[in-house]
Structure formats: C-alpha cells, structure tokens
C-alpha cells in the first residue's frame, strides 16, 4: 500500500469512529435538551468528523497519481449521477403521490450516505473495468 493511501486510512478511520461516537452521543443528549441553540449544537456535533472524512478524501485524490485520479473522477461522476438520478426519480414519484410522503429530514439525511455509497460501489466497478482491459 502506498504512503498516500496509508495516510488516508490514518485520517479516515479516526474521523469515522468520531462520527459514530458523536452520533450516538448527540441522539442521546437530544432527548434531554430544551433550548434551540443547545439542540442545534448537539445535533451538528457529528458533522465535524464528516468534514474530516471529506478532507481525507480530497487529500488522497489530490495526492494520487494520474491513473488513480482518473478512476476516482470517473467514480465520482458516475456515482454522483446515479445517486442524483435516484433522488430525482424518488422526488418525481413523491410529487406524483405514487409513494407515501416522508418527512423532509428522513430524505435529506440520506443524501450524503447514498452519494458516498454510490461512489464506493462505482469505484470498485471502474477499477475492475480498467484491470480487465
């Protein structure tokens, strides 16, 4: 494993661990809080480690060689397109009242995980595509 990927893992895993811990803590604390500012602050605590995850992703992409960057760019473009198309389709079905209307927060909270998940799956497929060539 190259140094750039080792650094990525050293940055990614602690940030994800922090996210999981802060997510559980914030959900627990929210049950006991009354004030708007306190609730907003506690709710946003898990966002901080996610910013570090994004930072780690940007750094690894920036520091990879050109071929690895090409794979990541294609995966981001295709994964973003799939995720965006999926949410667009879902929104169209909601608008047509074909599906039951969910709460806004239940949809919004899934945007980033869906986009990141699509990126990860597509990256594996793109990498496989180039290995097969």
N, C-alpha and C. Protein backbone atom coordinates (compact mmCIF):
# COMPACT_ATOMS: atom_id res chain seq x y z
N UNK A 1 0.85 -1.18 0.00
CA UNK A 1 0.00 0.00 0.00
C UNK A 1 0.89 1.24 0.00
N UNK A 2 0.53 2.16 -0.87
CA UNK A 2 1.34 3.38 -0.99
C UNK A 2 1.12 4.30 0.21
N UNK A 3 2.08 5.19 0.44
CA UNK A 3 2.04 6.10 1.59
C UNK A 3 0.79 6.98 1.58
N UNK A 4 0.36 7.42 0.40
CA UNK A 4 -0.80 8.30 0.31
C UNK A 4 -2.06 7.57 0.81
N UNK A 5 -2.16 6.28 0.53
CA UNK A 5 -3.32 5.51 0.98
C UNK A 5 -3.23 5.17 2.47
N UNK A 6 -2.04 4.96 2.96
CA UNK A 6 -1.86 4.75 4.41
C UNK A 6 -2.29 6.00 5.18
N UNK A 7 -1.88 7.16 4.66
CA UNK A 7 -2.28 8.42 5.30
C UNK A 7 -3.80 8.58 5.28
N UNK A 8 -4.40 8.22 4.15
CA UNK A 8 -5.86 8.31 4.03
C UNK A 8 -6.53 7.46 5.11
N UNK A 9 -6.08 6.24 5.28
CA UNK A 9 -6.68 5.37 6.29
C UNK A 9 -6.45 5.91 7.70
N UNK A 10 -5.27 6.50 7.94
CA UNK A 10 -5.00 7.10 9.26
C UNK A 10 -5.91 8.29 9.53
N UNK A 11 -6.33 8.98 8.49
CA UNK A 11 -7.23 10.12 8.64
C UNK A 11 -8.70 9.69 8.62
N UNK A 12 -9.03 8.72 7.79
CA UNK A 12 -10.42 8.31 7.59
C UNK A 12 -10.99 7.57 8.80
N UNK A 13 -10.31 6.54 9.28
CA UNK A 13 -10.87 5.72 10.34
C UNK A 13 -11.09 6.45 11.67
N UNK A 14 -10.16 7.27 12.14
CA UNK A 14 -10.46 8.03 13.36
C UNK A 14 -11.63 8.99 13.17
N UNK A 15 -11.74 9.61 12.00
CA UNK A 15 -12.86 10.52 11.74
C UNK A 15 -14.18 9.75 11.75
N UNK A 16 -14.22 8.58 11.13
CA UNK A 16 -15.45 7.78 11.12
C UNK A 16 -15.78 7.28 12.52
N UNK A 17 -14.77 6.91 13.29
CA UNK A 17 -15.00 6.50 14.67
C UNK A 17 -15.59 7.66 15.46
N UNK A 18 -15.02 8.85 15.28
CA UNK A 18 -15.55 10.04 15.95
C UNK A 18 -16.98 10.33 15.54
N UNK A 19 -17.28 10.13 14.27
CA UNK A 19 -18.65 10.33 13.78
C UNK A 19 -19.62 9.39 14.49
N UNK A 20 -19.27 8.12 14.55
CA UNK A 20 -20.16 7.14 15.18
C UNK A 20 -20.38 7.47 16.65
N UNK A 21 -19.30 7.77 17.36
CA UNK A 21 -19.41 8.11 18.79
C UNK A 21 -20.26 9.36 18.97
N UNK A 22 -19.97 10.41 18.22
CA UNK A 22 -20.72 11.66 18.37
C UNK A 22 -22.17 11.52 17.91
N UNK A 23 -22.43 10.65 16.96
CA UNK A 23 -23.80 10.42 16.53
C UNK A 23 -24.62 9.80 17.67
N UNK A 24 -24.08 8.78 18.29
CA UNK A 24 -24.79 8.15 19.41
C UNK A 24 -24.94 9.12 20.59
N UNK A 25 -23.89 9.86 20.89
CA UNK A 25 -23.97 10.84 21.98
C UNK A 25 -25.01 11.92 21.68
N UNK A 26 -25.01 12.43 20.46
CA UNK A 26 -25.94 13.51 20.14
C UNK A 26 -27.39 13.03 20.19
N UNK A 27 -27.64 11.83 19.71
CA UNK A 27 -29.00 11.29 19.76
C UNK A 27 -29.46 11.14 21.21
N UNK A 28 -28.56 10.69 22.07
CA UNK A 28 -28.88 10.53 23.49
C UNK A 28 -29.10 11.88 24.16
N UNK A 29 -28.20 12.83 23.91
CA UNK A 29 -28.30 14.15 24.54
C UNK A 29 -29.53 14.92 24.09
N UNK A 30 -29.91 14.75 22.83
CA UNK A 30 -31.07 15.49 22.30
C UNK A 30 -32.34 15.20 23.09
N UNK A 31 -32.42 14.01 23.66
CA UNK A 31 -33.61 13.64 24.43
C UNK A 31 -33.73 14.44 25.72
N UNK A 32 -32.62 15.03 26.16
CA UNK A 32 -32.63 15.75 27.44
C UNK A 32 -32.55 17.26 27.29
N UNK A 33 -32.35 17.76 26.08
CA UNK A 33 -32.13 19.20 25.87
C UNK A 33 -33.42 19.92 25.49
N UNK A 34 -33.50 21.17 25.93
CA UNK A 34 -34.69 22.00 25.66
C UNK A 34 -34.40 23.16 24.71
N UNK A 35 -33.32 23.89 24.91
CA UNK A 35 -33.05 25.11 24.16
C UNK A 35 -32.70 24.85 22.70
N UNK A 36 -33.10 25.79 21.84
CA UNK A 36 -32.85 25.66 20.40
C UNK A 36 -31.36 25.64 20.09
N UNK A 37 -30.60 26.56 20.70
CA UNK A 37 -29.16 26.63 20.42
C UNK A 37 -28.44 25.38 20.90
N UNK A 38 -28.79 24.90 22.07
CA UNK A 38 -28.16 23.68 22.59
C UNK A 38 -28.50 22.49 21.68
N UNK A 39 -29.75 22.38 21.27
CA UNK A 39 -30.16 21.29 20.39
C UNK A 39 -29.45 21.38 19.03
N UNK A 40 -29.31 22.59 18.50
CA UNK A 40 -28.62 22.77 17.22
C UNK A 40 -27.16 22.37 17.34
N UNK A 41 -26.50 22.80 18.40
CA UNK A 41 -25.09 22.48 18.60
C UNK A 41 -24.89 20.98 18.74
N UNK A 42 -25.69 20.34 19.57
CA UNK A 42 -25.54 18.91 19.79
C UNK A 42 -25.87 18.13 18.51
N UNK A 43 -26.87 18.57 17.78
CA UNK A 43 -27.24 17.91 16.52
C UNK A 43 -26.12 17.97 15.51
N UNK A 44 -25.39 19.08 15.48
CA UNK A 44 -24.34 19.26 14.48
C UNK A 44 -22.99 18.67 14.87
N UNK A 45 -22.86 18.16 16.08
CA UNK A 45 -21.58 17.57 16.50
C UNK A 45 -21.08 16.48 15.54
N UNK A 46 -21.91 15.55 15.09
CA UNK A 46 -21.40 14.51 14.17
C UNK A 46 -20.98 15.05 12.80
N UNK A 47 -21.36 16.26 12.46
CA UNK A 47 -20.98 16.84 11.17
C UNK A 47 -19.48 17.15 11.14
N UNK A 48 -18.91 17.48 12.28
CA UNK A 48 -17.49 17.86 12.33
C UNK A 48 -16.59 16.72 11.84
N UNK A 49 -16.73 15.49 12.36
CA UNK A 49 -15.86 14.43 11.83
C UNK A 49 -16.11 14.10 10.36
N UNK A 50 -17.34 14.30 9.89
CA UNK A 50 -17.62 14.07 8.47
C UNK A 50 -16.85 15.06 7.61
N UNK A 51 -16.68 16.28 8.10
CA UNK A 51 -15.85 17.26 7.37
C UNK A 51 -14.42 16.74 7.25
N UNK A 52 -13.93 16.07 8.30
CA UNK A 52 -12.57 15.50 8.25
C UNK A 52 -12.51 14.30 7.30
N UNK A 53 -13.59 13.55 7.18
CA UNK A 53 -13.65 12.45 6.21
C UNK A 53 -13.55 13.02 4.80
N UNK A 54 -14.31 14.07 4.52
CA UNK A 54 -14.27 14.70 3.20
C UNK A 54 -12.89 15.27 2.93
N UNK A 55 -12.29 15.87 3.95
CA UNK A 55 -10.93 16.40 3.80
C UNK A 55 -9.95 15.28 3.44
N UNK A 56 -10.07 14.13 4.11
CA UNK A 56 -9.19 12.99 3.82
C UNK A 56 -9.39 12.51 2.39
N UNK A 57 -10.64 12.50 1.94
CA UNK A 57 -10.92 12.05 0.57
C UNK A 57 -10.31 13.01 -0.45
N UNK A 58 -10.46 14.30 -0.21
CA UNK A 58 -9.88 15.29 -1.13
C UNK A 58 -8.36 15.17 -1.15
N UNK A 59 -7.76 15.00 0.02
CA UNK A 59 -6.29 14.89 0.08
C UNK A 59 -5.78 13.66 -0.65
N UNK A 60 -6.47 12.53 -0.49
CA UNK A 60 -5.98 11.32 -1.16
C UNK A 60 -6.15 11.44 -2.66
N UNK A 61 -7.25 12.04 -3.11
CA UNK A 61 -7.44 12.22 -4.55
C UNK A 61 -6.39 13.18 -5.11
N UNK A 62 -6.14 14.25 -4.38
CA UNK A 62 -5.16 15.24 -4.83
C UNK A 62 -3.75 14.64 -4.94
N UNK A 63 -3.41 13.74 -4.03
CA UNK A 63 -2.04 13.23 -3.94
C UNK A 63 -1.82 11.90 -4.67
N UNK A 64 -2.85 11.35 -5.30
CA UNK A 64 -2.69 10.11 -6.05
C UNK A 64 -2.04 10.38 -7.40
N UNK A 65 -1.64 9.31 -8.06
CA UNK A 65 -1.11 9.50 -9.42
C UNK A 65 -2.28 9.72 -10.39
N UNK A 66 -1.95 10.04 -11.63
CA UNK A 66 -2.98 10.44 -12.60
C UNK A 66 -3.99 9.33 -12.88
N UNK A 67 -3.54 8.10 -12.94
CA UNK A 67 -4.45 7.00 -13.23
C UNK A 67 -5.44 6.79 -12.08
N UNK A 68 -4.95 6.83 -10.86
CA UNK A 68 -5.84 6.69 -9.70
C UNK A 68 -6.83 7.86 -9.65
N UNK A 69 -6.36 9.05 -9.97
CA UNK A 69 -7.25 10.21 -10.02
C UNK A 69 -8.32 10.04 -11.10
N UNK A 70 -7.94 9.47 -12.21
CA UNK A 70 -8.91 9.22 -13.29
C UNK A 70 -9.99 8.26 -12.81
N UNK A 71 -9.59 7.20 -12.14
CA UNK A 71 -10.56 6.24 -11.61
C UNK A 71 -11.50 6.94 -10.64
N UNK A 72 -10.96 7.73 -9.73
CA UNK A 72 -11.79 8.43 -8.75
C UNK A 72 -12.71 9.45 -9.42
N UNK A 73 -12.21 10.17 -10.40
CA UNK A 73 -13.04 11.15 -11.10
C UNK A 73 -14.21 10.47 -11.81
N UNK A 74 -13.92 9.37 -12.49
CA UNK A 74 -15.00 8.63 -13.16
C UNK A 74 -15.99 8.09 -12.14
N UNK A 75 -15.49 7.58 -11.03
CA UNK A 75 -16.37 7.04 -10.00
C UNK A 75 -17.23 8.13 -9.37
N UNK A 76 -16.65 9.30 -9.14
CA UNK A 76 -17.41 10.42 -8.58
C UNK A 76 -18.50 10.86 -9.57
N UNK A 77 -18.13 10.97 -10.85
CA UNK A 77 -19.09 11.41 -11.86
C UNK A 77 -20.23 10.39 -12.02
N UNK A 78 -19.89 9.13 -12.16
CA UNK A 78 -20.91 8.10 -12.36
C UNK A 78 -21.72 7.90 -11.09
N UNK A 79 -21.03 7.80 -9.94
CA UNK A 79 -21.73 7.62 -8.67
C UNK A 79 -22.63 8.79 -8.33
N UNK A 80 -22.15 10.01 -8.57
CA UNK A 80 -22.97 11.20 -8.34
C UNK A 80 -24.18 11.22 -9.27
N UNK A 81 -23.96 10.80 -10.51
CA UNK A 81 -25.06 10.74 -11.46
C UNK A 81 -26.11 9.71 -11.04
N UNK A 82 -25.66 8.55 -10.61
CA UNK A 82 -26.59 7.50 -10.16
C UNK A 82 -27.35 7.96 -8.92
N UNK A 83 -26.61 8.49 -7.94
CA UNK A 83 -27.27 8.96 -6.71
C UNK A 83 -28.23 10.10 -6.99
N UNK A 84 -27.80 11.07 -7.79
CA UNK A 84 -28.66 12.19 -8.13
C UNK A 84 -29.88 11.75 -8.91
N UNK A 85 -29.68 10.85 -9.87
CA UNK A 85 -30.79 10.32 -10.66
C UNK A 85 -31.77 9.56 -9.77
N UNK A 86 -31.22 8.81 -8.82
CA UNK A 86 -32.09 8.08 -7.89
C UNK A 86 -32.94 9.01 -7.05
N UNK A 87 -32.33 10.06 -6.50
CA UNK A 87 -33.10 11.03 -5.71
C UNK A 87 -34.08 11.80 -6.58
N UNK A 88 -33.68 12.13 -7.81
CA UNK A 88 -34.58 12.82 -8.73
C UNK A 88 -35.80 11.95 -9.02
N UNK A 89 -35.55 10.68 -9.33
CA UNK A 89 -36.65 9.74 -9.61
C UNK A 89 -37.55 9.60 -8.40
N UNK A 90 -36.96 9.47 -7.23
CA UNK A 90 -37.72 9.37 -5.99
C UNK A 90 -38.59 10.61 -5.79
N UNK A 91 -38.01 11.78 -6.03
CA UNK A 91 -38.76 13.03 -5.91
C UNK A 91 -39.91 13.12 -6.90
N UNK A 92 -39.70 12.65 -8.12
CA UNK A 92 -40.77 12.65 -9.11
C UNK A 92 -41.91 11.73 -8.67
N UNK A 93 -41.58 10.57 -8.13
CA UNK A 93 -42.61 9.64 -7.65
C UNK A 93 -43.35 10.21 -6.44
N UNK A 94 -42.62 10.92 -5.58
CA UNK A 94 -43.27 11.58 -4.44
C UNK A 94 -44.22 12.67 -4.94
N UNK A 95 -43.75 13.45 -5.92
CA UNK A 95 -44.55 14.54 -6.47
C UNK A 95 -45.84 14.01 -7.12
N UNK A 96 -45.77 12.84 -7.73
CA UNK A 96 -46.94 12.23 -8.37
C UNK A 96 -47.82 11.51 -7.35
N UNK A 97 -47.39 11.55 -6.08
CA UNK A 97 -48.12 10.90 -5.00
C UNK A 97 -48.28 9.39 -5.22
N UNK A 98 -47.26 8.81 -5.88
CA UNK A 98 -47.22 7.37 -6.08
C UNK A 98 -46.67 6.69 -4.83
N UNK A 99 -45.78 7.40 -4.14
CA UNK A 99 -45.19 6.90 -2.89
C UNK A 99 -45.68 7.76 -1.74
N UNK A 100 -45.74 7.18 -0.54
CA UNK A 100 -46.14 8.00 0.61
C UNK A 100 -45.09 9.07 0.91
N UNK A 101 -45.54 10.26 1.28
CA UNK A 101 -44.66 11.39 1.53
C UNK A 101 -43.93 11.20 2.85
N UNK A 102 -42.59 11.12 2.82
CA UNK A 102 -41.82 11.00 4.05
C UNK A 102 -41.54 12.40 4.62
N UNK A 103 -40.98 12.43 5.81
CA UNK A 103 -40.57 13.73 6.35
C UNK A 103 -39.33 14.21 5.59
N UNK A 104 -39.15 15.51 5.53
CA UNK A 104 -38.02 16.08 4.80
C UNK A 104 -36.69 15.61 5.38
N UNK A 105 -36.60 15.56 6.71
CA UNK A 105 -35.33 15.16 7.33
C UNK A 105 -34.98 13.71 7.04
N UNK A 106 -36.00 12.86 6.87
CA UNK A 106 -35.69 11.46 6.59
C UNK A 106 -35.12 11.29 5.18
N UNK A 107 -35.43 12.20 4.28
CA UNK A 107 -34.85 12.16 2.94
C UNK A 107 -33.49 12.85 2.95
N UNK A 108 -33.41 14.03 3.53
CA UNK A 108 -32.18 14.83 3.50
C UNK A 108 -31.01 14.12 4.17
N UNK A 109 -31.28 13.37 5.21
CA UNK A 109 -30.19 12.74 5.96
C UNK A 109 -29.53 11.61 5.16
N UNK A 110 -30.21 11.14 4.10
CA UNK A 110 -29.67 10.04 3.30
C UNK A 110 -28.89 10.49 2.07
N UNK A 111 -28.88 11.77 1.76
CA UNK A 111 -28.23 12.23 0.53
C UNK A 111 -26.74 11.92 0.53
N UNK A 112 -26.01 12.34 1.54
CA UNK A 112 -24.56 12.11 1.58
C UNK A 112 -24.22 10.62 1.66
N UNK A 113 -24.86 9.83 2.53
CA UNK A 113 -24.53 8.39 2.53
C UNK A 113 -24.81 7.70 1.19
N UNK A 114 -25.89 8.08 0.52
CA UNK A 114 -26.19 7.47 -0.78
C UNK A 114 -25.12 7.85 -1.80
N UNK A 115 -24.74 9.13 -1.83
CA UNK A 115 -23.72 9.56 -2.79
C UNK A 115 -22.38 8.89 -2.51
N UNK A 116 -22.00 8.80 -1.24
CA UNK A 116 -20.73 8.14 -0.88
C UNK A 116 -20.79 6.64 -1.17
N UNK A 117 -21.93 6.04 -0.91
CA UNK A 117 -22.09 4.61 -1.20
C UNK A 117 -22.01 4.34 -2.69
N UNK A 118 -22.67 5.16 -3.48
CA UNK A 118 -22.61 5.03 -4.94
C UNK A 118 -21.18 5.19 -5.43
N UNK A 119 -20.47 6.18 -4.88
CA UNK A 119 -19.07 6.39 -5.25
C UNK A 119 -18.25 5.14 -4.96
N UNK A 120 -18.42 4.55 -3.78
CA UNK A 120 -17.64 3.38 -3.40
C UNK A 120 -17.90 2.18 -4.29
N UNK A 121 -19.17 1.92 -4.58
CA UNK A 121 -19.52 0.79 -5.43
C UNK A 121 -19.02 1.02 -6.85
N UNK A 122 -19.23 2.21 -7.37
CA UNK A 122 -18.81 2.52 -8.73
C UNK A 122 -17.28 2.51 -8.84
N UNK A 123 -16.60 2.96 -7.81
CA UNK A 123 -15.13 2.93 -7.84
C UNK A 123 -14.62 1.50 -7.99
N UNK A 124 -15.25 0.57 -7.28
CA UNK A 124 -14.87 -0.84 -7.43
C UNK A 124 -15.11 -1.31 -8.86
N UNK A 125 -16.24 -0.91 -9.44
CA UNK A 125 -16.57 -1.32 -10.80
C UNK A 125 -15.61 -0.69 -11.82
N UNK A 126 -15.29 0.58 -11.64
CA UNK A 126 -14.37 1.25 -12.57
C UNK A 126 -12.99 0.63 -12.47
N UNK A 127 -12.54 0.36 -11.26
CA UNK A 127 -11.24 -0.27 -11.07
C UNK A 127 -11.21 -1.65 -11.75
N UNK A 128 -12.29 -2.41 -11.58
CA UNK A 128 -12.40 -3.73 -12.21
C UNK A 128 -12.37 -3.58 -13.73
N UNK A 129 -13.06 -2.57 -14.24
CA UNK A 129 -13.10 -2.31 -15.68
C UNK A 129 -11.68 -2.10 -16.23
N UNK A 130 -10.90 -1.28 -15.54
CA UNK A 130 -9.54 -0.99 -16.04
C UNK A 130 -8.61 -2.18 -15.85
N UNK A 131 -8.82 -2.99 -14.86
CA UNK A 131 -7.98 -4.19 -14.70
C UNK A 131 -8.28 -5.21 -15.79
N UNK A 132 -9.52 -5.27 -16.23
CA UNK A 132 -9.92 -6.23 -17.25
C UNK A 132 -9.44 -5.85 -18.64
N UNK A 133 -9.04 -4.59 -18.82
CA UNK A 133 -8.59 -4.13 -20.14
C UNK A 133 -7.21 -4.61 -20.48
